[in-house]
Amino acid sequence: RFSVSRREAFGLPGICLSLADKPNELAALKHYWQLIERESTEQLAGCEHTLVLLAQAVFTLLLRNAKLDDHAATGMRGELKLFQRFTLLIDNHFHQHWTVPDYACELHITESRLTDICRRFANRPPKRLIFDRQLREAKRLLLFSDNAVNEIAWQLGFKDPAYFARFFNRLAGCSPSQFRQREVPSFLN
């Protein structure tokens, strides 16, 4: 059982999630926690980025298993369900560079409602959540693939590798090549 109190969730409703009837999901969650503990204690190269990816995996696993009422169109549960659907849409379409209006249209809500929901649950606007997902994937590909930066740009749906480099630099504070050089241990290069 996983439980979060209202106070711990910064004013969000309490969640009680049981994975007792889903042994594979429970095993995956335990495995993620072990990896998070290892990354936190051993301080390996690239651990900050790995921790972000692991936290995202835990969050996604929990959201997928949260029993939310599909018919709840209003109230906190309905908004949480919309936020869950939005994050899943981002995971499925971030490489297609959908705009915030595209996501809002797919969710059948207004842009302003989507912005309100994102600020409530993630304390970020939807555009930033989309950019964060693109950046996480870019970092993952830079760390765990041998592909050239230009190839990674194409994989992420950027039509211009120079624009990808500017996008990455603006959000990460360094170029993709500098990031790879700094984060990948020299013995792996």
Protein backbone atom coordinates (compact mmCIF):
# COMPACT_ATOMS: atom_id res chain seq x y z
CA ARG A 1 0.00 0.00 0.00
CA PHE A 2 1.20 3.48 -0.92
CA SER A 3 -0.40 6.40 0.89
CA VAL A 4 0.09 10.13 0.70
CA SER A 5 -1.67 12.42 3.12
CA ARG A 6 -3.31 15.67 2.08
CA ARG A 7 -0.63 17.66 3.90
CA GLU A 8 2.23 15.75 2.26
CA ALA A 9 0.75 16.32 -1.19
CA PHE A 10 0.71 20.10 -0.77
CA GLY A 11 -3.03 20.43 -0.61
CA LEU A 12 -3.85 17.71 -3.13
CA PRO A 13 -6.31 14.98 -2.18
CA GLY A 14 -4.98 11.95 -0.34
CA ILE A 15 -4.20 8.93 -2.45
CA CYS A 16 -4.25 5.33 -1.29
CA LEU A 17 -2.97 2.93 -3.90
CA SER A 18 -2.75 -0.83 -3.43
CA LEU A 19 -0.61 -2.91 -5.76
CA ALA A 20 -1.24 -6.14 -3.82
CA ASP A 21 -3.18 -7.61 -6.73
CA LYS A 22 -0.54 -6.50 -9.25
CA PRO A 23 2.71 -8.28 -8.33
CA ASN A 24 4.53 -7.17 -11.48
CA GLU A 25 3.73 -3.52 -10.81
CA LEU A 26 4.77 -3.87 -7.17
CA ALA A 27 8.04 -5.52 -8.21
CA ALA A 28 8.68 -2.70 -10.69
CA LEU A 29 8.02 -0.07 -8.01
CA LYS A 30 10.38 -1.81 -5.57
CA HIS A 31 13.02 -2.04 -8.30
CA TYR A 32 12.69 1.69 -9.08
CA TRP A 33 13.10 2.53 -5.37
CA GLN A 34 16.23 0.35 -5.20
CA LEU A 35 17.67 2.14 -8.22
CA ILE A 36 16.80 5.52 -6.72
CA GLU A 37 18.50 4.55 -3.47
CA ARG A 38 21.61 3.35 -5.35
CA GLU A 39 21.83 6.51 -7.46
CA SER A 40 21.34 8.68 -4.37
CA THR A 41 24.01 6.99 -2.29
CA GLU A 42 26.69 6.17 -4.85
CA GLN A 43 26.68 9.54 -6.69
CA LEU A 44 27.60 7.97 -10.03
CA ALA A 45 28.22 10.06 -13.15
CA GLY A 46 24.92 11.35 -14.53
CA CYS A 47 23.07 10.46 -11.32
CA GLU A 48 21.00 13.68 -11.26
CA HIS A 49 19.58 12.96 -14.69
CA THR A 50 19.06 9.29 -13.91
CA LEU A 51 17.18 10.26 -10.74
CA VAL A 52 14.87 12.52 -12.76
CA LEU A 53 14.15 9.68 -15.18
CA LEU A 54 13.54 7.22 -12.34
CA ALA A 55 11.23 9.66 -10.55
CA GLN A 56 9.30 10.10 -13.79
CA ALA A 57 9.02 6.31 -14.13
CA VAL A 58 7.71 5.99 -10.54
CA PHE A 59 5.23 8.82 -11.08
CA THR A 60 4.01 7.28 -14.34
CA LEU A 61 3.63 3.84 -12.73
CA LEU A 62 1.61 5.33 -9.86
CA LEU A 63 -0.59 7.39 -12.19
CA ARG A 64 -1.30 4.40 -14.41
CA ASN A 65 -2.42 2.38 -11.42
CA ALA A 66 -4.44 5.09 -9.66
CA LYS A 67 -8.11 4.18 -9.73
CA LEU A 68 -9.78 7.35 -10.86
CA ASP A 69 -13.44 7.68 -11.74
CA ASP A 70 -13.67 8.17 -15.51
CA HIS A 71 -17.04 9.85 -15.09
CA ALA A 72 -15.80 12.48 -12.65
CA ALA A 73 -15.73 15.54 -14.87
CA THR A 74 -15.47 18.06 -12.07
CA GLY A 75 -13.67 18.32 -8.79
CA MET A 76 -10.19 17.22 -7.81
CA ARG A 77 -10.51 13.64 -9.11
CA GLY A 78 -11.63 14.83 -12.53
CA GLU A 79 -8.76 17.29 -12.69
CA LEU A 80 -6.26 14.65 -11.60
CA LYS A 81 -7.61 12.35 -14.31
CA LEU A 82 -7.18 15.14 -16.89
CA PHE A 83 -3.64 15.79 -15.67
CA GLN A 84 -2.89 12.06 -15.93
CA ARG A 85 -4.24 11.98 -19.48
CA PHE A 86 -2.21 15.09 -20.35
CA THR A 87 1.06 13.53 -19.12
CA LEU A 88 0.34 10.35 -21.07
CA LEU A 89 -0.39 12.41 -24.18
CA ILE A 90 2.94 14.21 -23.71
CA ASP A 91 4.72 10.85 -23.48
CA ASN A 92 3.05 9.74 -26.71
CA HIS A 93 3.39 12.95 -28.73
CA PHE A 94 6.32 15.06 -27.45
CA HIS A 95 8.40 14.11 -30.51
CA GLN A 96 5.63 15.40 -32.80
CA HIS A 97 5.91 18.87 -31.23
CA TRP A 98 2.23 19.26 -30.46
CA THR A 99 1.33 22.72 -29.18
CA VAL A 100 -0.59 23.44 -25.99
CA PRO A 101 -3.76 24.05 -28.08
CA ASP A 102 -3.27 20.60 -29.69
CA TYR A 103 -3.19 18.93 -26.26
CA ALA A 104 -6.15 20.98 -24.99
CA CYS A 105 -8.17 20.04 -28.07
CA GLU A 106 -7.35 16.35 -27.62
CA LEU A 107 -8.47 16.59 -23.96
CA HIS A 108 -11.61 18.55 -24.93
CA ILE A 109 -10.77 21.43 -22.59
CA THR A 110 -9.64 25.03 -23.02
CA GLU A 111 -6.01 26.08 -22.90
CA SER A 112 -6.66 28.11 -19.76
CA ARG A 113 -8.20 25.11 -17.99
CA LEU A 114 -5.22 22.96 -19.00
CA THR A 115 -2.88 25.65 -17.66
CA ASP A 116 -4.80 25.80 -14.36
CA ILE A 117 -4.68 22.01 -13.97
CA CYS A 118 -0.95 21.84 -14.75
CA ARG A 119 -0.16 24.63 -12.31
CA ARG A 120 -2.22 22.90 -9.62
CA PHE A 121 -0.62 19.47 -9.98
CA ALA A 122 2.89 20.25 -11.27
CA ASN A 123 3.34 23.93 -10.44
CA ARG A 124 4.36 24.49 -14.08
CA PRO A 125 2.56 25.63 -17.21
CA PRO A 126 1.79 22.95 -19.82
CA LYS A 127 4.35 24.27 -22.30
CA ARG A 128 7.10 23.83 -19.72
CA LEU A 129 5.97 20.25 -19.00
CA ILE A 130 6.17 19.50 -22.72
CA PHE A 131 9.64 21.07 -22.94
CA ASP A 132 10.76 19.19 -19.81
CA ARG A 133 9.73 15.89 -21.41
CA GLN A 134 11.58 16.73 -24.63
CA LEU A 135 14.65 17.71 -22.62
CA ARG A 136 14.56 14.51 -20.53
CA GLU A 137 14.41 12.42 -23.69
CA ALA A 138 17.24 14.43 -25.25
CA LYS A 139 19.39 13.89 -22.16
CA ARG A 140 18.54 10.18 -22.11
CA LEU A 141 19.56 9.80 -25.75
CA LEU A 142 22.75 11.81 -25.22
CA LEU A 143 23.70 9.67 -22.22
CA PHE A 144 22.70 6.23 -23.44
CA SER A 145 23.18 6.26 -27.22
CA ASP A 146 26.09 6.82 -29.56
CA ASN A 147 23.97 8.81 -32.00
CA ALA A 148 25.29 12.14 -33.21
CA VAL A 149 23.59 15.26 -31.89
CA ASN A 150 22.05 15.86 -35.34
CA GLU A 151 20.54 12.35 -35.33
CA ILE A 152 19.12 12.90 -31.85
CA ALA A 153 17.57 16.16 -33.03
CA TRP A 154 15.83 14.30 -35.86
CA GLN A 155 14.69 11.52 -33.50
CA LEU A 156 13.08 14.13 -31.27
CA GLY A 157 11.21 15.69 -34.18
CA PHE A 158 13.32 18.82 -34.57
CA LYS A 159 13.51 19.82 -38.23
CA ASP A 160 16.62 21.93 -37.66
CA PRO A 161 19.52 20.57 -35.56
CA ALA A 162 20.61 24.16 -34.84
CA TYR A 163 17.20 24.89 -33.32
CA PHE A 164 17.52 21.73 -31.22
CA ALA A 165 20.93 22.93 -29.98
CA ARG A 166 19.46 26.33 -29.02
CA PHE A 167 16.47 24.65 -27.34
CA PHE A 168 18.76 22.35 -25.36
CA ASN A 169 21.15 25.16 -24.42
CA ARG A 170 18.31 27.39 -23.22
CA LEU A 171 16.84 24.68 -20.96
CA ALA A 172 19.98 22.80 -19.86
CA GLY A 173 22.44 25.68 -19.76
CA CYS A 174 24.94 24.01 -22.09
CA SER A 175 25.10 22.58 -25.59
CA PRO A 176 24.14 18.93 -26.20
CA SER A 177 27.80 18.10 -26.94
CA GLN A 178 28.99 19.77 -23.74
CA PHE A 179 26.32 17.91 -21.76
CA ARG A 180 27.39 14.56 -23.22
CA GLN A 181 31.07 15.31 -22.62
CA ARG A 182 30.43 16.39 -19.03
CA GLU A 183 28.02 13.60 -18.04
CA VAL A 184 29.34 10.52 -19.83
CA PRO A 185 32.39 9.07 -18.06
CA SER A 186 35.53 9.38 -20.18
CA PHE A 187 36.12 5.62 -20.25
CA LEU A 188 32.82 5.20 -22.12
CA ASN A 189 33.70 7.68 -24.89
